[in-house]
Protein backbone atom coordinates (compact mmCIF):
# COMPACT_ATOMS: atom_id res chain seq x y z
CA MET A 1 0.00 0.00 0.00
CA THR A 2 1.04 3.61 -0.53
CA ALA A 3 1.48 5.26 2.85
CA GLU A 4 0.27 8.62 1.59
CA HIS A 5 -3.24 7.24 0.96
CA SER A 6 -3.40 4.40 3.50
CA ALA A 7 -5.62 6.35 5.92
CA LEU A 8 -8.31 7.28 3.39
CA ARG A 9 -11.46 5.25 4.04
CA VAL A 10 -14.33 5.41 1.56
CA LEU A 11 -17.87 4.08 1.93
CA TRP A 12 -18.93 3.26 -1.66
CA LEU A 13 -22.66 3.11 -2.41
CA GLY A 14 -23.71 1.51 -5.70
CA THR A 15 -26.89 0.47 -7.49
CA LYS A 16 -25.64 -3.10 -8.11
CA SER A 17 -22.75 -5.43 -7.46
CA PRO A 18 -19.86 -4.81 -9.89
CA TRP A 19 -19.04 -8.52 -10.03
CA PRO A 20 -19.66 -10.50 -12.17
CA ALA A 21 -18.78 -7.81 -14.71
CA ARG A 22 -21.76 -8.38 -17.04
CA ASP A 23 -21.52 -4.97 -18.68
CA GLY A 24 -19.26 -1.98 -19.12
CA GLY A 25 -20.73 -0.08 -16.17
CA ARG A 26 -19.93 -2.88 -13.74
CA LEU A 27 -16.49 -3.35 -15.25
CA VAL A 28 -15.70 0.34 -14.75
CA VAL A 29 -16.64 0.13 -11.07
CA LEU A 30 -14.50 -2.96 -10.71
CA GLU A 31 -11.54 -1.24 -12.37
CA SER A 32 -12.08 1.76 -10.09
CA LEU A 33 -11.93 -0.44 -7.00
CA VAL A 34 -8.79 -2.16 -8.28
CA ALA A 35 -7.06 1.19 -8.95
CA LEU A 36 -8.01 2.67 -5.56
CA ARG A 37 -6.88 -0.47 -3.78
CA ALA A 38 -3.49 -0.20 -5.48
CA LEU A 39 -3.08 3.25 -3.90
CA GLY A 40 -3.96 1.93 -0.45
CA VAL A 41 -7.47 3.40 -0.28
CA GLU A 42 -9.80 1.24 1.81
CA VAL A 43 -13.23 0.94 0.21
CA THR A 44 -16.31 -0.54 1.89
CA LEU A 45 -18.81 -1.44 -0.81
CA VAL A 46 -22.57 -1.34 -0.16
CA ALA A 47 -24.95 -2.37 -2.96
CA PRO A 48 -28.29 -4.16 -3.36
CA VAL A 49 -28.33 -7.73 -4.70
CA GLU A 50 -31.22 -10.08 -5.36
CA ALA A 51 -29.63 -12.96 -3.45
CA ARG A 52 -26.52 -13.59 -1.40
CA SER A 53 -23.59 -15.34 -3.05
CA ALA A 54 -20.46 -16.39 -1.21
CA THR A 55 -18.62 -16.51 -4.54
CA VAL A 56 -19.50 -12.90 -5.37
CA GLU A 57 -18.47 -11.64 -1.95
CA GLU A 58 -15.25 -13.62 -2.05
CA GLN A 59 -14.32 -12.12 -5.43
CA LEU A 60 -15.17 -8.57 -4.33
CA ALA A 61 -13.14 -8.98 -1.14
CA THR A 62 -10.02 -8.90 -3.31
CA TRP A 63 -10.55 -5.18 -3.93
CA ALA A 64 -12.99 -3.93 -1.28
CA ARG A 65 -14.87 -4.80 1.90
CA PRO A 66 -18.20 -5.99 0.46
CA ARG A 67 -21.35 -5.29 2.47
CA LEU A 68 -23.99 -6.43 -0.01
CA VAL A 69 -27.64 -6.12 0.98
CA VAL A 70 -30.42 -8.38 -0.29
CA SER A 71 -33.13 -6.20 -1.81
CA ARG A 72 -35.14 -7.28 -4.84
CA PRO A 73 -36.15 -4.86 -7.61
CA ARG A 74 -39.38 -3.00 -6.95
CA GLY A 75 -42.55 -3.74 -8.86
CA LEU A 76 -44.54 -1.05 -10.67
CA LEU A 77 -47.12 -0.52 -7.90
CA THR A 78 -44.50 -0.25 -5.16
CA THR A 79 -42.50 2.16 -7.31
CA LEU A 80 -45.55 4.36 -7.93
CA VAL A 81 -46.40 4.47 -4.22
CA SER A 82 -42.81 5.33 -3.31
CA SER A 83 -42.65 8.02 -5.98
CA TRP A 84 -45.78 9.70 -4.57
CA ARG A 85 -44.92 9.22 -0.88
CA ASP A 86 -41.25 10.17 -1.08
CA ARG A 87 -41.67 12.79 -3.82
CA LEU A 88 -39.17 11.05 -6.04
CA PRO A 89 -39.13 10.85 -9.84
CA LEU A 90 -40.13 7.34 -10.94
CA PRO A 91 -36.62 6.18 -11.95
CA LEU A 92 -35.32 7.21 -8.53
CA ALA A 93 -38.18 5.57 -6.66
CA ARG A 94 -37.37 2.31 -8.44
CA HIS A 95 -33.82 2.47 -7.09
CA ARG A 96 -34.75 3.38 -3.53
CA HIS A 97 -33.82 0.58 -1.10
CA ALA A 98 -34.68 1.27 2.54
CA VAL A 99 -32.58 -1.68 3.71
CA VAL A 100 -29.57 -0.26 1.88
CA ALA A 101 -30.01 3.12 3.54
CA GLN A 102 -30.29 1.37 6.89
CA ARG A 103 -27.09 -0.58 6.24
CA VAL A 104 -25.23 2.61 5.32
CA GLU A 105 -26.49 4.29 8.49
CA GLU A 106 -25.34 1.35 10.61
CA LEU A 107 -21.87 1.35 9.06
CA VAL A 108 -21.47 5.10 9.58
CA GLN A 109 -22.39 4.69 13.25
CA GLN A 110 -20.07 1.70 13.76
CA GLU A 111 -16.99 2.74 11.77
CA ALA A 112 -15.01 5.81 10.79
CA PHE A 113 -15.11 6.89 7.13
CA ASP A 114 -13.68 9.94 5.41
CA LEU A 115 -16.41 10.25 2.79
CA VAL A 116 -19.19 8.49 0.91
CA HIS A 117 -18.79 7.80 -2.80
CA VAL A 118 -22.15 7.42 -4.58
CA GLU A 119 -21.96 5.60 -7.92
CA GLN A 120 -24.65 7.03 -10.23
CA VAL A 121 -27.31 9.55 -9.36
CA GLN A 122 -29.89 6.79 -8.79
CA ALA A 123 -27.99 5.56 -5.73
CA LEU A 124 -28.67 8.90 -4.00
CA ALA A 125 -32.22 7.62 -3.46
CA SER A 126 -30.83 5.02 -1.01
CA LEU A 127 -28.70 7.47 0.93
CA PRO A 128 -29.67 8.18 4.58
CA SER A 129 -30.51 11.71 5.68
CA GLU A 130 -27.74 14.26 6.20
CA GLU A 131 -28.37 14.14 9.95
CA CYS A 132 -27.62 10.40 9.98
CA LEU A 133 -24.74 10.55 7.52
CA ARG A 134 -22.66 13.56 8.58
CA LEU A 135 -20.03 12.81 5.96
CA PRO A 136 -19.03 14.51 2.71
CA VAL A 137 -20.68 12.88 -0.30
CA VAL A 138 -19.04 12.59 -3.72
CA VAL A 139 -21.22 11.45 -6.64
CA ARG A 140 -19.88 9.94 -9.85
CA ALA A 141 -22.55 10.68 -12.45
CA GLN A 142 -22.20 8.11 -15.22
CA ASN A 143 -24.91 9.95 -17.19
CA VAL A 144 -27.15 13.00 -17.03
CA GLU A 145 -30.05 10.87 -15.86
CA SER A 146 -32.84 13.44 -16.27
CA ASP A 147 -31.95 13.92 -19.95
CA LEU A 148 -32.13 10.18 -20.56
CA TRP A 149 -35.48 9.97 -18.75
CA ARG A 150 -36.90 12.84 -20.80
CA ALA A 151 -35.75 11.18 -24.04
CA ARG A 152 -37.33 7.88 -23.07
CA LEU A 153 -40.67 9.45 -22.19
CA ALA A 154 -40.67 11.49 -25.40
CA ARG A 155 -40.44 8.27 -27.41
CA ARG A 156 -43.19 6.55 -25.45
CA LEU A 157 -45.61 9.29 -24.40
CA GLY A 158 -44.78 12.34 -26.52
CA GLN A 159 -43.01 15.61 -25.88
CA ARG A 160 -45.69 17.15 -23.62
CA TRP A 161 -45.57 14.43 -20.97
CA ALA A 162 -41.81 14.16 -21.33
CA ALA A 163 -41.33 17.87 -20.67
CA LYS A 164 -43.43 17.77 -17.50
CA ALA A 165 -41.81 14.66 -16.02
CA GLY A 166 -38.39 15.78 -17.20
CA ARG A 167 -38.64 19.09 -15.33
CA ARG A 168 -39.41 17.25 -12.10
CA PHE A 169 -36.42 14.96 -12.54
CA GLU A 170 -34.15 17.88 -13.52
CA ALA A 171 -35.14 19.79 -10.39
CA TRP A 172 -34.41 16.77 -8.18
CA GLU A 173 -31.11 15.95 -9.90
CA GLY A 174 -29.90 19.55 -9.84
CA ALA A 175 -30.86 20.12 -6.20
CA ARG A 176 -29.18 16.93 -4.97
CA LEU A 177 -25.95 17.54 -6.87
CA ALA A 178 -25.87 21.15 -5.69
CA GLY A 179 -25.96 19.87 -2.11
CA VAL A 180 -23.21 17.24 -2.16
CA ALA A 181 -19.51 17.89 -1.53
CA GLY A 182 -18.59 17.14 -5.13
CA THR A 183 -19.72 15.56 -8.38
CA ILE A 184 -17.50 13.68 -10.83
CA ALA A 185 -18.72 13.95 -14.43
CA LEU A 186 -17.34 11.70 -17.15
CA SER A 187 -17.11 14.34 -19.86
CA GLU A 188 -16.96 18.11 -20.22
CA GLN A 189 -20.40 18.06 -21.87
CA ASP A 190 -21.91 16.33 -18.86
CA ARG A 191 -20.15 18.69 -16.45
CA GLU A 192 -21.64 21.70 -18.20
CA ARG A 193 -25.12 20.18 -18.31
CA LEU A 194 -25.10 19.08 -14.66
CA GLY A 195 -23.80 22.49 -13.62
CA ARG A 196 -26.75 24.14 -15.37
CA LEU A 197 -29.19 21.81 -13.61
CA ALA A 198 -27.59 22.78 -10.29
CA GLU A 199 -28.00 26.46 -11.23
CA GLY A 200 -24.36 27.25 -10.70
CA ARG A 201 -24.19 25.69 -7.25
CA GLY A 202 -22.17 22.66 -6.26
CA ARG A 203 -18.73 21.48 -7.24
CA PHE A 204 -18.20 19.59 -10.51
CA HIS A 205 -15.06 17.92 -11.78
CA VAL A 206 -14.37 15.94 -14.98
CA LEU A 207 -12.60 12.59 -14.61
CA PRO A 208 -12.85 10.06 -17.47
CA VAL A 209 -13.31 6.56 -16.09
CA PRO A 210 -10.36 4.21 -15.57
CA PHE A 211 -9.93 1.42 -18.06
CA PRO A 212 -6.98 -0.86 -18.88
CA SER A 213 -5.62 -0.67 -22.41
CA GLN A 214 -5.16 -4.42 -22.76
CA LEU A 215 -7.80 -7.04 -21.95
CA PRO A 216 -8.22 -10.50 -23.52
CA ALA A 217 -10.94 -10.98 -26.13
CA GLY A 218 -13.61 -13.66 -25.91
CA ALA A 219 -13.85 -16.83 -27.99
CA PRO A 220 -14.39 -16.18 -31.72
CA LEU A 221 -17.93 -16.12 -33.13
CA PRO A 222 -19.03 -17.29 -36.60
CA GLY A 223 -19.39 -14.84 -39.45
CA ASP A 224 -17.24 -13.01 -41.98
CA PRO A 225 -17.31 -10.55 -40.46
CA ALA A 226 -18.80 -11.35 -37.05
CA VAL A 227 -20.50 -8.16 -35.85
CA VAL A 228 -21.34 -7.80 -32.15
CA LEU A 229 -24.20 -5.63 -30.88
CA LEU A 230 -25.16 -5.50 -27.18
CA ALA A 231 -28.92 -4.95 -27.18
CA GLY A 232 -29.91 -5.91 -23.64
CA GLY A 233 -30.00 -4.09 -20.31
CA TRP A 234 -30.06 -0.30 -20.73
CA TRP A 235 -33.10 0.75 -22.78
CA PRO A 236 -31.27 2.77 -25.52
CA ASN A 237 -29.38 -0.42 -26.40
CA GLY A 238 -32.60 -2.14 -27.47
CA GLU A 239 -33.89 0.86 -29.39
CA GLY A 240 -30.60 1.26 -31.23
CA ALA A 241 -30.54 -2.43 -32.11
CA ARG A 242 -34.06 -2.33 -33.60
CA TRP A 243 -33.19 0.83 -35.54
CA PHE A 244 -30.16 -0.81 -37.16
CA LEU A 245 -31.85 -4.17 -37.72
CA GLU A 246 -34.68 -2.57 -39.67
CA GLN A 247 -32.75 0.01 -41.70
CA GLY A 248 -29.09 -1.05 -41.80
CA TRP A 249 -28.53 -4.78 -41.52
CA PRO A 250 -30.34 -5.75 -44.77
CA GLU A 251 -27.73 -3.75 -46.70
CA VAL A 252 -24.87 -5.58 -44.97
CA VAL A 253 -26.21 -9.09 -45.45
CA GLN A 254 -27.16 -8.40 -49.06
CA ALA A 255 -23.63 -7.27 -49.92
CA ARG A 256 -21.96 -9.90 -47.75
CA PRO A 257 -24.16 -12.97 -47.12
CA GLU A 258 -21.51 -14.62 -44.95
CA ALA A 259 -21.70 -11.78 -42.38
CA ARG A 260 -23.35 -12.52 -39.03
CA LEU A 261 -24.79 -10.03 -36.56
CA HIS A 262 -24.60 -11.36 -32.99
CA LEU A 263 -27.26 -9.71 -30.83
CA PHE A 264 -26.65 -10.11 -27.10
CA GLY A 265 -29.68 -9.73 -24.84
CA VAL A 266 -32.24 -10.62 -27.53
CA GLU A 267 -34.33 -13.76 -27.94
CA ALA A 268 -33.29 -15.98 -30.84
CA ASP A 269 -36.77 -16.47 -32.36
CA GLY A 270 -37.94 -14.51 -35.38
CA LEU A 271 -34.68 -12.71 -36.17
CA PRO A 272 -33.79 -11.57 -39.71
CA THR A 273 -31.43 -13.44 -42.02
CA GLY A 274 -27.87 -13.51 -40.77
CA VAL A 275 -28.75 -12.46 -37.22
CA VAL A 276 -27.90 -14.70 -34.26
CA GLY A 277 -29.54 -14.07 -30.89
CA HIS A 278 -27.73 -14.63 -27.59
CA GLN A 279 -28.73 -14.28 -23.96
CA SER A 280 -27.19 -11.39 -22.04
CA PRO A 281 -23.68 -12.57 -21.17
CA THR A 282 -22.83 -13.47 -17.58
CA GLU A 283 -19.53 -11.68 -18.21
CA SER A 284 -19.11 -9.00 -20.87
CA VAL A 285 -15.99 -10.67 -22.33
CA VAL A 286 -18.25 -13.33 -23.87
CA ALA A 287 -19.67 -10.72 -26.25
CA MET A 288 -16.30 -9.13 -27.02
CA ALA A 289 -15.26 -11.90 -29.40
CA GLU A 290 -11.82 -12.14 -30.96
CA GLY A 291 -11.84 -10.95 -34.58
CA ALA A 292 -15.32 -9.37 -34.31
CA LEU A 293 -16.46 -5.81 -35.04
CA LEU A 294 -18.28 -3.91 -32.28
CA LEU A 295 -21.34 -1.96 -33.43
CA VAL A 296 -22.85 0.73 -31.14
CA PRO A 297 -25.88 2.29 -32.93
CA LEU A 298 -27.21 4.47 -30.09
CA GLN A 299 -29.62 7.33 -30.76
CA VAL A 300 -29.75 8.46 -27.13
CA ALA A 301 -26.76 8.57 -24.78
CA SER A 302 -24.97 10.55 -22.10
CA GLY A 303 -21.73 10.13 -20.19
CA ILE A 304 -19.23 7.73 -21.79
CA ARG A 305 -20.03 4.45 -23.51
CA MET A 306 -18.20 1.86 -21.46
CA LYS A 307 -18.76 -0.79 -24.14
CA ILE A 308 -16.63 1.22 -26.57
CA LEU A 309 -13.81 1.40 -24.02
CA GLU A 310 -14.08 -2.33 -23.48
CA GLY A 311 -14.14 -2.98 -27.22
CA TRP A 312 -10.90 -1.03 -27.63
CA ALA A 313 -9.26 -2.82 -24.69
CA ARG A 314 -10.20 -6.23 -26.13
CA GLY A 315 -9.01 -5.33 -29.61
CA LEU A 316 -12.37 -4.92 -31.41
CA PRO A 317 -12.67 -2.26 -34.11
CA VAL A 318 -15.64 -0.02 -33.28
CA VAL A 319 -18.40 1.39 -35.49
CA ALA A 320 -20.68 3.85 -33.68
CA THR A 321 -23.02 6.78 -34.06
CA PRO A 322 -21.69 10.23 -33.08
CA THR A 323 -24.12 10.12 -30.14
CA ALA A 324 -22.60 6.88 -28.87
CA ALA A 325 -19.04 8.19 -29.16
CA ALA A 326 -19.74 11.65 -27.72
CA GLY A 327 -17.74 12.44 -24.62
CA LEU A 328 -14.86 10.11 -25.49
CA ALA A 329 -12.57 12.84 -26.87
CA ALA A 330 -11.87 10.36 -29.65
CA PHE A 331 -11.31 10.93 -33.36
CA PRO A 332 -13.63 9.39 -35.99
CA GLY A 333 -11.62 7.70 -38.70
CA GLN A 334 -8.67 7.18 -36.34
CA THR A 335 -9.93 5.50 -33.16
CA HIS A 336 -13.26 4.31 -34.58
CA LEU A 337 -15.64 4.75 -37.51
CA GLU A 338 -18.82 6.82 -37.29
CA ALA A 339 -22.09 7.28 -39.14
CA GLU A 340 -25.29 9.08 -38.19
CA ASP A 341 -27.83 6.68 -39.68
CA PRO A 342 -28.25 2.89 -40.14
CA ALA A 343 -27.33 2.98 -43.81
CA GLY A 344 -24.10 4.79 -42.99
CA LEU A 345 -23.32 2.35 -40.22
CA ALA A 346 -23.89 -0.53 -42.63
CA ARG A 347 -21.43 0.99 -45.09
CA GLN A 348 -18.81 1.38 -42.37
CA VAL A 349 -19.27 -2.28 -41.34
CA LEU A 350 -18.78 -3.35 -44.97
CA ARG A 351 -15.73 -1.11 -45.24
CA LEU A 352 -14.11 -2.87 -42.26
CA ALA A 353 -15.15 -6.26 -43.60
CA ASN A 354 -12.97 -5.64 -46.64
CA ASP A 355 -10.07 -3.74 -45.08
CA TYR A 356 -7.98 -5.69 -42.58
CA GLY A 357 -5.35 -2.94 -42.53
CA LEU A 358 -7.95 -0.45 -41.29
CA ARG A 359 -9.05 -2.93 -38.64
CA ARG A 360 -5.49 -3.16 -37.29
CA GLN A 361 -5.14 0.63 -37.40
CA LEU A 362 -8.31 1.10 -35.33
CA GLN A 363 -7.24 -1.58 -32.85
CA LYS A 364 -3.93 0.14 -32.24
CA ALA A 365 -5.43 3.63 -32.01
CA GLY A 366 -8.19 2.53 -29.62
CA ARG A 367 -5.72 1.02 -27.19
CA GLN A 368 -3.47 4.06 -27.45
CA HIS A 369 -6.46 6.28 -26.62
CA LEU A 370 -7.11 4.22 -23.50
CA GLU A 371 -3.48 4.61 -22.39
CA GLU A 372 -3.59 8.37 -22.86
CA HIS A 373 -7.05 9.16 -21.42
CA HIS A 374 -8.12 6.29 -19.15
CA ASP A 375 -5.00 5.08 -17.36
CA PRO A 376 -6.19 3.53 -14.05
CA THR A 377 -3.23 4.76 -11.98
CA ARG A 378 -3.57 8.37 -13.12
CA TRP A 379 -7.33 8.16 -12.57
CA ALA A 380 -6.90 6.85 -9.02
CA ARG A 381 -4.45 9.61 -8.09
CA ALA A 382 -6.71 12.32 -9.51
CA THR A 383 -9.75 10.81 -7.77
CA VAL A 384 -7.99 10.64 -4.41
CA GLU A 385 -6.93 14.27 -4.85
CA PHE A 386 -10.54 15.25 -5.54
CA TYR A 387 -11.78 13.18 -2.59
CA ARG A 388 -9.34 14.93 -0.26
CA SER A 389 -10.24 18.39 -1.52
CA CYS A 390 -13.94 17.62 -0.92
CA VAL A 391 -13.20 16.39 2.60
CA GLU A 392 -11.12 19.49 3.36
CA SER A 393 -13.68 21.93 1.95
CA THR A 394 -16.46 20.25 3.94
CA ALA A 395 -14.42 20.44 7.16
CA SER A 396 -13.56 24.10 6.62
CA GLY A 397 -17.09 25.04 5.56
């Protein structure tokens, strides 16, 4: 351990267990814990899980002190009641876990911590009151959640309902972030947006997430080329997948019948020609197949797309929309290929299918970008510095 940081004790509150690393978001948390541990920071991890697992806790104990709490996802009726009773926007009410808040309160009373790290804005819903906590709180906002909520409602209910519900969420998000000791945004765009929601109050700092530049790829998948698309989990993934399937994939398979699109998180029945459905992977590496192309056709996004970082680390050339790649400080044509619509994405996939030199160029550039912008050691040092400044400002204020 590094003596300089050995005394720093962090209580980390998450929305889910980071292990197994089923997706990029979990993998980023895991890499964060690994990097902080290497600096001697002691992290106590509190997160809701659906069931206890000795294997999960044993794995997490390598990097943190796991204090997982069994709390099943809320149903619609319970979420609606909580939203009305606790005056929470619906997405926040869904993530409110009273037993998690109780566990955090118990730990704060029993042990000494320097600060609380809250992973994602949703986890703020399970935070005890300030009177119970009495510790500086630092939030890492993986996205601007109110913007994503507004976009989702606009697609389902129309702009009028989206505007009304969005304003409520924006007010809650801005007020909470204005009141914490500090907020870590993943991109300059998010920092500016969150700062506006907080009406100029609060303390915001940009720190791109940590990510290793070299990770092993998964077992190869059939297809020439094999194209990987993660469609499960987060709702924009599914919408982006349907968008490309309907308007882009027919062009690919017509020009290259041997191509295969591997959809992860989608049922296998009734899929178009050349499309193979897979269950959501138990570990994200399963989807990041050796020799495959990673396609990220998002129409709605915020923060940083962890799946692109993982694709680079595992050596997959990436084709994405500008929306998906926004916030990465990357360069289209050098680190990845971009297109705004499904037809353009299809053409970029076909371009890579026929150009192995370009594939190798993108692989090298993606990993170099990770080394320059997402080095875990540099991230950990910068994060500890920000933690300490938040602790000091809270003590002096």
